[in-house]
Amino acid sequence: MMTLYVVFEAIHHGEITEDTLVKISRNASREPPSKLGLKAGQKIKLRYLIRAAAVKSANDAATALGEAISGSEEAFANRMTRTAKRLGMTRTTLLLLQPIC
């Protein structure tokens, strides 16, 4: 849920749009199931990654979303932690983008 919250926040702030083409990294393509089976180098619109992460709990889509917004899983995990703290979740720390299944 935090992955999607931060994604929608980034869209709201104009950092990215739902029509942004996201290039799938080798890292994202290697995520364990549940996933879509995205291939490294493939490009897919952000809007479809959001749907896959929300409906299918696709880990490859969630990783691609985090990388597209923050540049890396680690940077996105740090952003999710900051967001959680801002929302009052003071004892929440995300060290890496966690599978959402």
Protein backbone atom coordinates (compact mmCIF):
# COMPACT_ATOMS: atom_id res chain seq x y z
CA MET A 1 0.00 0.00 0.00
CA MET A 2 2.82 2.39 0.81
CA THR A 3 4.29 1.79 -2.66
CA LEU A 4 1.07 2.94 -4.29
CA TYR A 5 0.60 5.82 -1.84
CA VAL A 6 4.03 7.22 -2.73
CA VAL A 7 3.41 6.66 -6.46
CA PHE A 8 0.14 8.60 -6.35
CA GLU A 9 1.80 11.32 -4.27
CA ALA A 10 4.54 11.63 -6.94
CA ILE A 11 1.89 11.89 -9.66
CA HIS A 12 0.00 14.53 -7.66
CA HIS A 13 3.19 16.59 -7.23
CA GLY A 14 3.99 16.39 -10.95
CA GLU A 15 7.15 14.29 -10.56
CA ILE A 16 5.84 11.68 -12.99
CA THR A 17 2.66 11.04 -14.98
CA GLU A 18 0.55 7.97 -15.58
CA ASP A 19 1.69 8.05 -19.21
CA THR A 20 5.41 8.03 -18.37
CA LEU A 21 7.10 5.10 -20.11
CA VAL A 22 9.06 3.13 -17.54
CA LYS A 23 11.99 1.03 -18.71
CA ILE A 24 12.04 -2.24 -16.78
CA SER A 25 15.40 -2.91 -15.12
CA ARG A 26 17.07 -6.30 -14.86
CA ASN A 27 16.52 -5.98 -11.09
CA ALA A 28 12.74 -5.55 -11.51
CA SER A 29 12.49 -8.35 -14.06
CA ARG A 30 14.11 -10.77 -11.60
CA GLU A 31 11.62 -10.21 -8.77
CA PRO A 32 10.00 -13.39 -7.41
CA PRO A 33 6.33 -14.19 -8.05
CA SER A 34 3.70 -12.83 -7.94
CA LYS A 35 4.71 -10.88 -11.00
CA LEU A 36 3.73 -10.03 -14.56
CA GLY A 37 6.81 -11.48 -16.20
CA LEU A 38 8.20 -8.12 -17.33
CA LYS A 39 11.43 -8.33 -19.34
CA ALA A 40 14.52 -6.19 -18.77
CA GLY A 41 14.56 -3.36 -21.29
CA GLN A 42 10.82 -3.52 -21.91
CA LYS A 43 8.95 -0.23 -21.66
CA ILE A 44 5.49 0.05 -20.15
CA LYS A 45 3.35 3.00 -19.12
CA LEU A 46 3.28 3.82 -15.43
CA ARG A 47 -0.53 3.48 -15.37
CA TYR A 48 -0.26 -0.23 -16.19
CA LEU A 49 2.39 -0.80 -13.54
CA ILE A 50 0.09 0.81 -10.97
CA ARG A 51 -2.75 -1.53 -11.93
CA ALA A 52 -0.49 -4.58 -11.81
CA ALA A 53 0.89 -3.64 -8.40
CA ALA A 54 -2.59 -2.93 -7.00
CA VAL A 55 -4.61 -5.77 -8.54
CA LYS A 56 -2.12 -8.58 -9.08
CA SER A 57 0.36 -7.63 -6.34
CA ALA A 58 3.04 -7.86 -9.03
CA ASN A 59 6.46 -7.50 -7.42
CA ASP A 60 8.19 -6.69 -10.71
CA ALA A 61 5.73 -3.85 -11.28
CA ALA A 62 6.20 -2.53 -7.74
CA THR A 63 9.99 -2.57 -8.12
CA ALA A 64 9.76 -0.80 -11.49
CA LEU A 65 7.51 1.87 -9.94
CA GLY A 66 9.98 2.51 -7.14
CA GLU A 67 12.93 2.69 -9.51
CA ALA A 68 11.06 5.04 -11.86
CA ILE A 69 10.22 7.47 -9.09
CA SER A 70 13.35 7.39 -6.94
CA GLY A 71 16.04 5.85 -9.15
CA SER A 72 16.64 2.74 -7.04
CA GLU A 73 14.89 0.37 -4.66
CA GLU A 74 16.92 1.70 -1.75
CA ALA A 75 16.07 5.34 -2.48
CA PHE A 76 12.39 4.46 -2.86
CA ALA A 77 12.42 2.50 0.41
CA ASN A 78 13.91 5.55 2.12
CA ARG A 79 11.19 7.73 0.59
CA MET A 80 8.50 5.33 1.79
CA THR A 81 10.00 5.42 5.29
CA ARG A 82 9.98 9.24 5.31
CA THR A 83 6.39 9.20 4.07
CA ALA A 84 5.35 6.71 6.76
CA LYS A 85 6.91 8.87 9.47
CA ARG A 86 5.21 11.98 8.07
CA LEU A 87 1.89 10.09 8.29
CA GLY A 88 2.54 9.27 11.95
CA MET A 89 3.93 5.75 11.55
CA THR A 90 6.92 6.55 13.70
CA ARG A 91 8.08 2.94 14.17
CA THR A 92 7.92 1.98 10.48
CA THR A 93 11.18 1.53 8.57
CA LEU A 94 11.38 0.07 5.09
CA LEU A 95 14.91 -1.09 4.33
CA LEU A 96 14.17 -2.38 0.81
CA LEU A 97 11.11 -2.36 -1.36
CA GLN A 98 9.20 -5.27 0.14
CA PRO A 99 7.18 -7.67 -2.01
CA ILE A 100 3.54 -6.63 -1.84
CA CYS A 101 2.04 -10.10 -2.13
